[in-house]
Every structure is written in C-alpha cells, then in structure tokens.
N, C-alpha and C. Protein backbone atom coordinates (compact mmCIF):
# COMPACT_ATOMS: atom_id res chain seq x y z
N MET A 1 -201.55 -177.41 -116.09
CA MET A 1 -202.45 -176.56 -115.32
C MET A 1 -203.48 -177.38 -114.54
N ARG A 2 -204.06 -178.37 -115.22
CA ARG A 2 -205.04 -179.23 -114.56
C ARG A 2 -204.41 -180.01 -113.42
N LEU A 3 -203.21 -180.49 -113.66
CA LEU A 3 -202.52 -181.25 -112.63
C LEU A 3 -202.29 -180.39 -111.39
N ARG A 4 -201.91 -179.14 -111.58
CA ARG A 4 -201.72 -178.22 -110.45
C ARG A 4 -203.03 -178.03 -109.68
N LEU A 5 -204.10 -177.87 -110.41
CA LEU A 5 -205.41 -177.70 -109.77
C LEU A 5 -205.78 -178.92 -108.95
N VAL A 6 -205.59 -180.10 -109.54
CA VAL A 6 -205.90 -181.35 -108.83
C VAL A 6 -205.03 -181.48 -107.59
N LEU A 7 -203.74 -181.23 -107.75
CA LEU A 7 -202.83 -181.33 -106.60
C LEU A 7 -203.18 -180.31 -105.52
N SER A 8 -203.57 -179.12 -105.93
CA SER A 8 -203.98 -178.09 -104.97
C SER A 8 -205.23 -178.54 -104.21
N LEU A 9 -206.18 -179.11 -104.91
CA LEU A 9 -207.41 -179.58 -104.26
C LEU A 9 -207.12 -180.72 -103.30
N VAL A 10 -206.25 -181.64 -103.69
CA VAL A 10 -205.85 -182.75 -102.81
C VAL A 10 -205.16 -182.19 -101.57
N PHE A 11 -204.28 -181.23 -101.76
CA PHE A 11 -203.57 -180.61 -100.65
C PHE A 11 -204.55 -179.92 -99.70
N LEU A 12 -205.50 -179.17 -100.23
CA LEU A 12 -206.50 -178.48 -99.41
C LEU A 12 -207.38 -179.47 -98.67
N ALA A 13 -207.74 -180.55 -99.33
CA ALA A 13 -208.55 -181.58 -98.67
C ALA A 13 -207.78 -182.21 -97.51
N ALA A 14 -206.49 -182.43 -97.70
CA ALA A 14 -205.66 -183.00 -96.62
C ALA A 14 -205.58 -182.04 -95.44
N ILE A 15 -205.45 -180.75 -95.72
CA ILE A 15 -205.41 -179.75 -94.64
C ILE A 15 -206.74 -179.72 -93.91
N ALA A 16 -207.84 -179.75 -94.64
CA ALA A 16 -209.16 -179.75 -94.00
C ALA A 16 -209.34 -180.98 -93.13
N ALA A 17 -208.89 -182.14 -93.61
CA ALA A 17 -208.99 -183.37 -92.82
C ALA A 17 -208.15 -183.26 -91.55
N ASP A 18 -206.96 -182.68 -91.65
CA ASP A 18 -206.11 -182.49 -90.47
C ASP A 18 -206.79 -181.57 -89.45
N HIS A 19 -207.42 -180.51 -89.94
CA HIS A 19 -208.12 -179.59 -89.05
C HIS A 19 -209.30 -180.29 -88.36
N ALA A 20 -210.02 -181.12 -89.10
CA ALA A 20 -211.15 -181.86 -88.52
C ALA A 20 -210.66 -182.82 -87.45
N ARG A 21 -209.55 -183.53 -87.72
CA ARG A 21 -208.99 -184.45 -86.72
C ARG A 21 -208.53 -183.68 -85.48
N ALA A 22 -207.92 -182.53 -85.67
CA ALA A 22 -207.47 -181.71 -84.54
C ALA A 22 -208.66 -181.24 -83.71
N ALA A 23 -209.74 -180.83 -84.37
CA ALA A 23 -210.95 -180.39 -83.64
C ALA A 23 -211.53 -181.55 -82.86
N ASP A 24 -211.57 -182.75 -83.46
CA ASP A 24 -212.09 -183.92 -82.75
C ASP A 24 -211.23 -184.25 -81.54
N ALA A 25 -209.92 -184.08 -81.66
CA ALA A 25 -209.01 -184.36 -80.55
C ALA A 25 -209.23 -183.38 -79.40
N GLN A 26 -209.72 -182.17 -79.70
CA GLN A 26 -209.96 -181.17 -78.66
C GLN A 26 -211.26 -181.43 -77.89
N LYS A 27 -212.15 -182.20 -78.45
CA LYS A 27 -213.44 -182.43 -77.81
C LYS A 27 -213.26 -183.29 -76.57
N THR A 28 -213.92 -182.89 -75.50
CA THR A 28 -213.92 -183.69 -74.28
C THR A 28 -215.36 -183.88 -73.83
N TYR A 29 -215.53 -184.76 -72.87
CA TYR A 29 -216.86 -185.06 -72.35
C TYR A 29 -217.21 -184.11 -71.22
N VAL A 30 -218.44 -183.63 -71.21
CA VAL A 30 -218.88 -182.67 -70.20
C VAL A 30 -219.92 -183.25 -69.26
N GLY A 31 -220.53 -184.37 -69.61
CA GLY A 31 -221.56 -184.98 -68.78
C GLY A 31 -222.95 -184.49 -69.15
N SER A 32 -223.93 -185.33 -68.94
CA SER A 32 -225.31 -185.03 -69.34
C SER A 32 -225.93 -183.85 -68.61
N GLU A 33 -225.53 -183.63 -67.37
CA GLU A 33 -226.09 -182.49 -66.63
C GLU A 33 -225.79 -181.18 -67.36
N LYS A 34 -224.60 -181.09 -67.93
CA LYS A 34 -224.22 -179.89 -68.69
C LYS A 34 -225.12 -179.76 -69.92
N CYS A 35 -225.42 -180.84 -70.57
CA CYS A 35 -226.33 -180.81 -71.73
C CYS A 35 -227.71 -180.33 -71.30
N GLY A 36 -228.12 -180.75 -70.11
CA GLY A 36 -229.43 -180.38 -69.59
C GLY A 36 -229.61 -178.90 -69.34
N GLU A 37 -228.51 -178.15 -69.23
CA GLU A 37 -228.62 -176.71 -69.03
C GLU A 37 -229.32 -176.03 -70.20
N CYS A 38 -229.14 -176.54 -71.40
CA CYS A 38 -229.80 -175.96 -72.59
C CYS A 38 -230.91 -176.86 -73.12
N HIS A 39 -230.78 -178.14 -72.89
CA HIS A 39 -231.73 -179.13 -73.42
C HIS A 39 -232.46 -179.77 -72.24
N GLY A 40 -233.11 -178.93 -71.45
CA GLY A 40 -233.73 -179.38 -70.20
C GLY A 40 -234.82 -180.41 -70.37
N ASP A 41 -235.71 -180.22 -71.32
CA ASP A 41 -236.80 -181.19 -71.51
C ASP A 41 -236.26 -182.56 -71.87
N GLU A 42 -235.30 -182.60 -72.78
CA GLU A 42 -234.70 -183.86 -73.20
C GLU A 42 -233.96 -184.54 -72.04
N TYR A 43 -233.23 -183.72 -71.30
CA TYR A 43 -232.46 -184.26 -70.17
C TYR A 43 -233.40 -184.85 -69.11
N GLU A 44 -234.46 -184.12 -68.76
CA GLU A 44 -235.40 -184.62 -67.75
C GLU A 44 -236.12 -185.87 -68.22
N SER A 45 -236.49 -185.90 -69.48
CA SER A 45 -237.14 -187.07 -70.04
C SER A 45 -236.20 -188.27 -69.99
N TYR A 46 -234.96 -188.06 -70.35
CA TYR A 46 -233.97 -189.13 -70.34
C TYR A 46 -233.77 -189.66 -68.92
N LYS A 47 -233.55 -188.76 -67.97
CA LYS A 47 -233.31 -189.18 -66.58
C LYS A 47 -234.51 -189.94 -66.01
N SER A 48 -235.70 -189.54 -66.42
CA SER A 48 -236.92 -190.15 -65.88
C SER A 48 -237.32 -191.43 -66.58
N ASN A 49 -237.08 -191.53 -67.89
CA ASN A 49 -237.67 -192.61 -68.67
C ASN A 49 -236.71 -193.65 -69.23
N SER A 50 -235.44 -193.37 -69.25
CA SER A 50 -234.51 -194.30 -69.89
C SER A 50 -233.77 -195.15 -68.86
N LYS A 51 -233.78 -196.44 -69.09
CA LYS A 51 -233.02 -197.36 -68.22
C LYS A 51 -231.52 -197.06 -68.31
N LYS A 52 -231.10 -196.57 -69.45
CA LYS A 52 -229.67 -196.28 -69.65
C LYS A 52 -229.16 -195.18 -68.72
N ALA A 53 -230.05 -194.33 -68.25
CA ALA A 53 -229.65 -193.22 -67.39
C ALA A 53 -229.13 -193.70 -66.04
N HIS A 54 -229.31 -194.98 -65.76
CA HIS A 54 -228.85 -195.56 -64.49
C HIS A 54 -228.03 -196.82 -64.76
N SER A 55 -227.31 -196.83 -65.86
CA SER A 55 -226.61 -198.03 -66.33
C SER A 55 -225.49 -198.49 -65.41
N PHE A 56 -224.83 -197.57 -64.73
CA PHE A 56 -223.70 -197.97 -63.89
C PHE A 56 -224.16 -198.81 -62.71
N ALA A 57 -225.35 -198.55 -62.21
CA ALA A 57 -225.87 -199.31 -61.07
C ALA A 57 -225.99 -200.79 -61.42
N SER A 58 -226.41 -201.10 -62.65
CA SER A 58 -226.55 -202.51 -63.04
C SER A 58 -225.18 -203.17 -63.15
N VAL A 59 -224.19 -202.45 -63.62
CA VAL A 59 -222.84 -202.99 -63.70
C VAL A 59 -222.28 -203.20 -62.29
N LYS A 60 -222.50 -202.24 -61.44
CA LYS A 60 -221.99 -202.32 -60.07
C LYS A 60 -222.58 -203.52 -59.31
N ARG A 61 -223.86 -203.82 -59.57
CA ARG A 61 -224.48 -204.99 -58.94
C ARG A 61 -223.79 -206.28 -59.35
N MET A 62 -223.24 -206.32 -60.55
CA MET A 62 -222.59 -207.52 -61.07
C MET A 62 -221.14 -207.66 -60.61
N LYS A 63 -220.58 -206.61 -60.03
CA LYS A 63 -219.15 -206.59 -59.70
C LYS A 63 -218.73 -207.79 -58.86
N LYS A 64 -219.54 -208.20 -57.92
CA LYS A 64 -219.15 -209.31 -57.04
C LYS A 64 -219.00 -210.64 -57.78
N TYR A 65 -219.54 -210.73 -58.99
CA TYR A 65 -219.45 -211.95 -59.77
C TYR A 65 -218.36 -211.89 -60.83
N LEU A 66 -217.67 -210.76 -60.91
CA LEU A 66 -216.72 -210.54 -61.99
C LEU A 66 -215.32 -210.27 -61.47
N SER A 67 -214.32 -210.63 -62.28
CA SER A 67 -212.96 -210.20 -61.97
C SER A 67 -212.89 -208.69 -62.24
N GLU A 68 -211.84 -208.04 -61.77
CA GLU A 68 -211.69 -206.60 -62.03
C GLU A 68 -211.63 -206.32 -63.52
N LYS A 69 -210.95 -207.17 -64.27
CA LYS A 69 -210.84 -206.99 -65.72
C LYS A 69 -212.22 -207.13 -66.38
N GLU A 70 -212.99 -208.13 -65.98
CA GLU A 70 -214.34 -208.31 -66.53
C GLU A 70 -215.22 -207.11 -66.18
N PHE A 71 -215.11 -206.67 -64.93
CA PHE A 71 -215.90 -205.52 -64.48
C PHE A 71 -215.59 -204.30 -65.34
N GLN A 72 -214.31 -204.02 -65.56
CA GLN A 72 -213.93 -202.86 -66.36
C GLN A 72 -214.30 -203.01 -67.83
N SER A 73 -214.42 -204.25 -68.31
CA SER A 73 -214.82 -204.44 -69.71
C SER A 73 -216.27 -203.99 -69.94
N CYS A 74 -217.05 -203.90 -68.88
CA CYS A 74 -218.44 -203.42 -68.99
C CYS A 74 -218.50 -201.91 -69.25
N PHE A 75 -217.46 -201.20 -68.84
CA PHE A 75 -217.49 -199.74 -68.92
C PHE A 75 -217.64 -199.20 -70.34
N ALA A 76 -217.12 -199.91 -71.32
CA ALA A 76 -217.19 -199.41 -72.70
C ALA A 76 -218.64 -199.18 -73.14
N CYS A 77 -219.56 -199.99 -72.67
CA CYS A 77 -220.97 -199.87 -73.08
C CYS A 77 -221.88 -199.31 -71.99
N HIS A 78 -221.36 -199.16 -70.78
CA HIS A 78 -222.22 -198.72 -69.68
C HIS A 78 -221.79 -197.40 -69.04
N THR A 79 -220.82 -196.71 -69.64
CA THR A 79 -220.40 -195.39 -69.16
C THR A 79 -220.18 -194.48 -70.38
N ILE A 80 -219.86 -193.23 -70.13
CA ILE A 80 -219.63 -192.28 -71.22
C ILE A 80 -218.14 -192.17 -71.51
N GLY A 81 -217.74 -192.54 -72.72
CA GLY A 81 -216.38 -192.29 -73.20
C GLY A 81 -215.27 -193.10 -72.58
N PHE A 82 -215.57 -194.25 -72.00
CA PHE A 82 -214.51 -195.05 -71.38
C PHE A 82 -213.46 -195.41 -72.42
N GLY A 83 -212.20 -195.22 -72.06
CA GLY A 83 -211.09 -195.55 -72.95
C GLY A 83 -210.79 -194.47 -73.98
N LYS A 84 -211.53 -193.39 -73.94
CA LYS A 84 -211.32 -192.28 -74.88
C LYS A 84 -210.82 -191.07 -74.09
N PRO A 85 -210.11 -190.15 -74.75
CA PRO A 85 -209.62 -188.96 -74.03
C PRO A 85 -210.76 -188.21 -73.34
N GLY A 86 -210.59 -187.97 -72.05
CA GLY A 86 -211.58 -187.22 -71.28
C GLY A 86 -212.81 -188.01 -70.90
N GLY A 87 -212.80 -189.32 -71.18
CA GLY A 87 -213.96 -190.16 -70.86
C GLY A 87 -213.92 -190.72 -69.45
N PHE A 88 -214.87 -191.57 -69.14
CA PHE A 88 -214.98 -192.19 -67.81
C PHE A 88 -213.69 -192.92 -67.46
N ARG A 89 -213.22 -192.70 -66.23
CA ARG A 89 -212.05 -193.41 -65.70
C ARG A 89 -212.44 -194.27 -64.51
N SER A 90 -213.18 -193.68 -63.58
CA SER A 90 -213.65 -194.43 -62.42
C SER A 90 -214.80 -193.64 -61.80
N GLU A 91 -215.54 -194.32 -60.94
CA GLU A 91 -216.67 -193.66 -60.28
C GLU A 91 -216.19 -192.50 -59.41
N GLU A 92 -215.00 -192.62 -58.83
CA GLU A 92 -214.46 -191.57 -57.98
C GLU A 92 -213.92 -190.39 -58.79
N GLU A 93 -213.19 -190.68 -59.87
CA GLU A 93 -212.55 -189.62 -60.66
C GLU A 93 -213.50 -188.89 -61.60
N THR A 94 -214.44 -189.62 -62.18
CA THR A 94 -215.32 -189.03 -63.21
C THR A 94 -216.78 -189.43 -62.95
N PRO A 95 -217.33 -189.07 -61.81
CA PRO A 95 -218.69 -189.50 -61.48
C PRO A 95 -219.76 -189.00 -62.46
N LYS A 96 -219.54 -187.85 -63.09
CA LYS A 96 -220.55 -187.31 -64.01
C LYS A 96 -220.62 -188.11 -65.31
N LEU A 97 -219.68 -189.03 -65.51
CA LEU A 97 -219.66 -189.84 -66.72
C LEU A 97 -219.95 -191.32 -66.45
N LYS A 98 -220.38 -191.64 -65.24
CA LYS A 98 -220.54 -193.05 -64.89
C LYS A 98 -221.78 -193.70 -65.48
N ASP A 99 -222.80 -192.96 -65.82
CA ASP A 99 -223.99 -193.53 -66.46
C ASP A 99 -224.01 -193.12 -67.92
N LEU A 100 -224.61 -193.95 -68.75
CA LEU A 100 -224.78 -193.55 -70.14
C LEU A 100 -225.57 -192.25 -70.18
N GLY A 101 -225.33 -191.47 -71.20
CA GLY A 101 -226.03 -190.20 -71.31
C GLY A 101 -225.95 -189.63 -72.70
N CYS A 102 -226.19 -188.37 -72.80
CA CYS A 102 -226.26 -187.66 -74.08
C CYS A 102 -225.05 -187.93 -74.97
N GLU A 103 -223.86 -187.85 -74.37
CA GLU A 103 -222.63 -187.95 -75.15
C GLU A 103 -222.32 -189.38 -75.59
N THR A 104 -223.01 -190.35 -75.04
CA THR A 104 -222.84 -191.73 -75.49
C THR A 104 -223.20 -191.82 -76.97
N CYS A 105 -224.27 -191.17 -77.34
CA CYS A 105 -224.74 -191.20 -78.72
C CYS A 105 -224.31 -189.98 -79.53
N HIS A 106 -224.30 -188.83 -78.89
CA HIS A 106 -224.04 -187.58 -79.61
C HIS A 106 -222.58 -187.16 -79.62
N GLY A 107 -221.72 -187.90 -78.92
CA GLY A 107 -220.29 -187.61 -78.91
C GLY A 107 -219.92 -186.56 -77.88
N PRO A 108 -218.62 -186.35 -77.68
CA PRO A 108 -218.14 -185.39 -76.68
C PRO A 108 -218.73 -184.00 -76.93
N GLY A 109 -219.19 -183.36 -75.87
CA GLY A 109 -219.93 -182.11 -76.02
C GLY A 109 -219.21 -180.82 -75.73
N SER A 110 -217.92 -180.88 -75.41
CA SER A 110 -217.24 -179.65 -74.97
C SER A 110 -217.26 -178.54 -76.02
N LEU A 111 -216.96 -178.84 -77.25
CA LEU A 111 -216.95 -177.79 -78.28
C LEU A 111 -218.36 -177.30 -78.59
N HIS A 112 -219.33 -178.19 -78.51
CA HIS A 112 -220.72 -177.80 -78.72
C HIS A 112 -221.15 -176.80 -77.65
N VAL A 113 -220.78 -177.08 -76.40
CA VAL A 113 -221.11 -176.18 -75.29
C VAL A 113 -220.35 -174.87 -75.42
N GLU A 114 -219.06 -174.97 -75.70
CA GLU A 114 -218.20 -173.78 -75.78
C GLU A 114 -218.61 -172.85 -76.92
N LYS A 115 -218.91 -173.40 -78.08
CA LYS A 115 -219.17 -172.58 -79.27
C LYS A 115 -220.65 -172.45 -79.59
N ASP A 116 -221.52 -173.16 -78.83
CA ASP A 116 -222.96 -173.13 -79.06
C ASP A 116 -223.25 -173.31 -80.55
N ASP A 117 -222.64 -174.36 -81.11
CA ASP A 117 -222.74 -174.62 -82.54
C ASP A 117 -223.11 -176.07 -82.76
N GLY A 118 -224.20 -176.29 -83.44
CA GLY A 118 -224.68 -177.64 -83.72
C GLY A 118 -223.75 -178.48 -84.56
N LYS A 119 -222.80 -177.84 -85.24
CA LYS A 119 -221.85 -178.60 -86.05
C LYS A 119 -220.87 -179.38 -85.17
N ASN A 120 -220.79 -179.05 -83.92
CA ASN A 120 -219.83 -179.69 -83.03
C ASN A 120 -220.41 -180.84 -82.23
N ILE A 121 -221.50 -181.40 -82.69
CA ILE A 121 -222.13 -182.53 -81.99
C ILE A 121 -222.75 -183.44 -83.04
N GLN A 122 -222.82 -184.72 -82.75
CA GLN A 122 -223.43 -185.69 -83.66
C GLN A 122 -224.95 -185.58 -83.54
N LYS A 123 -225.59 -185.07 -84.58
CA LYS A 123 -227.05 -184.88 -84.54
C LYS A 123 -227.79 -186.10 -85.04
N THR A 124 -227.35 -186.65 -86.14
CA THR A 124 -228.05 -187.76 -86.77
C THR A 124 -227.55 -189.07 -86.19
N LEU A 125 -228.44 -189.83 -85.61
CA LEU A 125 -228.09 -191.11 -85.01
C LEU A 125 -228.62 -192.23 -85.89
N THR A 126 -227.87 -193.32 -85.95
CA THR A 126 -228.27 -194.46 -86.77
C THR A 126 -228.27 -195.74 -85.93
N ALA A 127 -228.98 -196.72 -86.41
CA ALA A 127 -229.00 -198.03 -85.74
C ALA A 127 -227.59 -198.62 -85.68
N GLU A 128 -226.80 -198.40 -86.72
CA GLU A 128 -225.44 -198.93 -86.76
C GLU A 128 -224.60 -198.40 -85.60
N MET A 129 -224.82 -197.16 -85.21
CA MET A 129 -224.09 -196.59 -84.08
C MET A 129 -224.42 -197.35 -82.80
N CYS A 130 -225.66 -197.74 -82.67
CA CYS A 130 -226.10 -198.47 -81.47
C CYS A 130 -225.51 -199.88 -81.43
N MET A 131 -225.27 -200.44 -82.60
CA MET A 131 -224.82 -201.83 -82.70
C MET A 131 -223.40 -202.04 -82.16
N VAL A 132 -222.71 -200.96 -81.83
CA VAL A 132 -221.40 -201.11 -81.20
C VAL A 132 -221.57 -201.84 -79.87
N CYS A 133 -222.60 -201.49 -79.13
CA CYS A 133 -222.88 -202.16 -77.85
C CYS A 133 -224.04 -203.15 -77.95
N HIS A 134 -225.05 -202.80 -78.71
CA HIS A 134 -226.23 -203.66 -78.84
C HIS A 134 -226.00 -204.72 -79.91
N THR A 135 -225.03 -205.60 -79.65
CA THR A 135 -224.73 -206.68 -80.58
C THR A 135 -225.77 -207.78 -80.40
N LYS A 136 -225.83 -208.69 -81.36
CA LYS A 136 -226.78 -209.81 -81.28
C LYS A 136 -226.49 -210.69 -80.06
N ASP A 137 -225.23 -210.76 -79.66
CA ASP A 137 -224.86 -211.57 -78.50
C ASP A 137 -225.36 -210.96 -77.19
N ARG A 138 -225.42 -209.63 -77.13
CA ARG A 138 -225.77 -208.96 -75.88
C ARG A 138 -227.20 -208.44 -75.84
N SER A 139 -227.77 -208.12 -76.98
CA SER A 139 -229.09 -207.48 -77.01
C SER A 139 -229.97 -208.11 -78.08
N VAL A 140 -230.42 -209.29 -77.81
CA VAL A 140 -231.19 -210.04 -78.80
C VAL A 140 -232.43 -209.27 -79.24
N ALA A 141 -233.10 -208.61 -78.32
CA ALA A 141 -234.37 -207.95 -78.64
C ALA A 141 -234.22 -206.47 -78.96
N PHE A 142 -233.00 -205.98 -79.21
CA PHE A 142 -232.81 -204.56 -79.47
C PHE A 142 -233.54 -204.11 -80.73
N ARG A 143 -234.28 -203.01 -80.58
CA ARG A 143 -234.95 -202.39 -81.73
C ARG A 143 -234.65 -200.90 -81.66
N PHE A 144 -234.15 -200.36 -82.75
CA PHE A 144 -233.66 -198.98 -82.80
C PHE A 144 -234.74 -197.95 -82.48
N LYS A 145 -235.85 -197.97 -83.19
CA LYS A 145 -236.85 -196.90 -83.02
C LYS A 145 -237.43 -196.87 -81.61
N PRO A 146 -237.84 -197.98 -81.02
CA PRO A 146 -238.32 -197.88 -79.62
C PRO A 146 -237.25 -197.37 -78.66
N ALA A 147 -236.01 -197.76 -78.87
CA ALA A 147 -234.93 -197.28 -78.00
C ALA A 147 -234.70 -195.79 -78.22
N MET A 148 -234.73 -195.37 -79.46
CA MET A 148 -234.48 -193.98 -79.80
C MET A 148 -235.56 -193.05 -79.26
N PHE A 149 -236.80 -193.48 -79.35
CA PHE A 149 -237.90 -192.60 -78.98
C PHE A 149 -238.54 -192.95 -77.63
N GLY A 150 -238.00 -193.93 -76.93
CA GLY A 150 -238.60 -194.35 -75.69
C GLY A 150 -238.10 -193.63 -74.45
N GLY A 151 -237.04 -192.86 -74.57
CA GLY A 151 -236.50 -192.18 -73.40
C GLY A 151 -236.44 -190.69 -73.60
N THR A 152 -235.48 -190.26 -74.37
CA THR A 152 -235.25 -188.83 -74.55
C THR A 152 -235.98 -188.27 -75.75
N HIS A 153 -235.82 -188.93 -76.84
CA HIS A 153 -236.30 -188.40 -78.12
C HIS A 153 -237.75 -188.82 -78.36
N ASN A 154 -238.61 -188.42 -77.44
CA ASN A 154 -240.01 -188.84 -77.53
C ASN A 154 -240.92 -187.74 -78.07
N LYS A 155 -240.35 -186.72 -78.66
CA LYS A 155 -241.16 -185.62 -79.18
C LYS A 155 -241.10 -185.58 -80.68
C-alpha cells in the first residue's frame, strides 16, 4: 500500500513538472512597453534612470570594432531573450526586444500579460541571476543592491 502511494506521488510530481515545463515553453517575450501598460511608474523610472534601458546603443557603437560573430555574442547580455524562443533576433525583426528591459530579469511576460497572474512572472530577483552577465571579468564593480534599486525598483 505504501509503495503504491509513493509511486502515485512520484507519478503526480512528474506530471506536474511536465505541465510546468510546457507552460514555460509557451511563454514568449512581449517587450517592456507592454509591461509599462500596467506597471507605468516602474517602466517610466526604468526608461529614465537605467543605463540598461539603452543597452543596444552601446553594443551598436562597438560594431565597427567587432566581427559579426563577436557583435552577436554581445546580444545575450544586451538584449531581451537572445537565443531563446521568441527572444531578440535582430534590430529589424524584433526592435521591441533590442534593449534590456523588464523581461531580462523577470522572464518572458506573455502568460503574465494574458492571465494577469503574478505566478507567471519571476518576482524575486537574486544577485546570482545578475551574475549570468555581470561576471567578474565583465563587471568588476557590479553591486546588486545599487543596480536593483537604482533604476526601476527605487520605491
């Protein structure tokens, strides 16, 4: 009897994990302007105060010094969702994703927008999440709290 219960729980956990993976696969990027429709104060603060809100311009300035491969390697940290389903592809194809924005940290927002449910977006941010791009090699002076509260999350 106990074995059946354990196996049933394992089976249910596997089904729940499959459903979670399927939901994640359905999420796409909508761009920060879409986030601003409901989160206007945060969006305006970010656009006005964060250097990241204009990140593609800094990459574009460097293009003349880089090979095409080097230039595109910058996209992973300077655009939204590059290399991921529905993420940045090019300035022409996906202009709303060319600068870092809300979904860089909070994840793809389509299900959050569609279902108006906070469970469909990454709410809690950690320094470790930032370290994907802010490595010691690239961002010697990176500090989580000033970055977190210096642009959008200043309230």
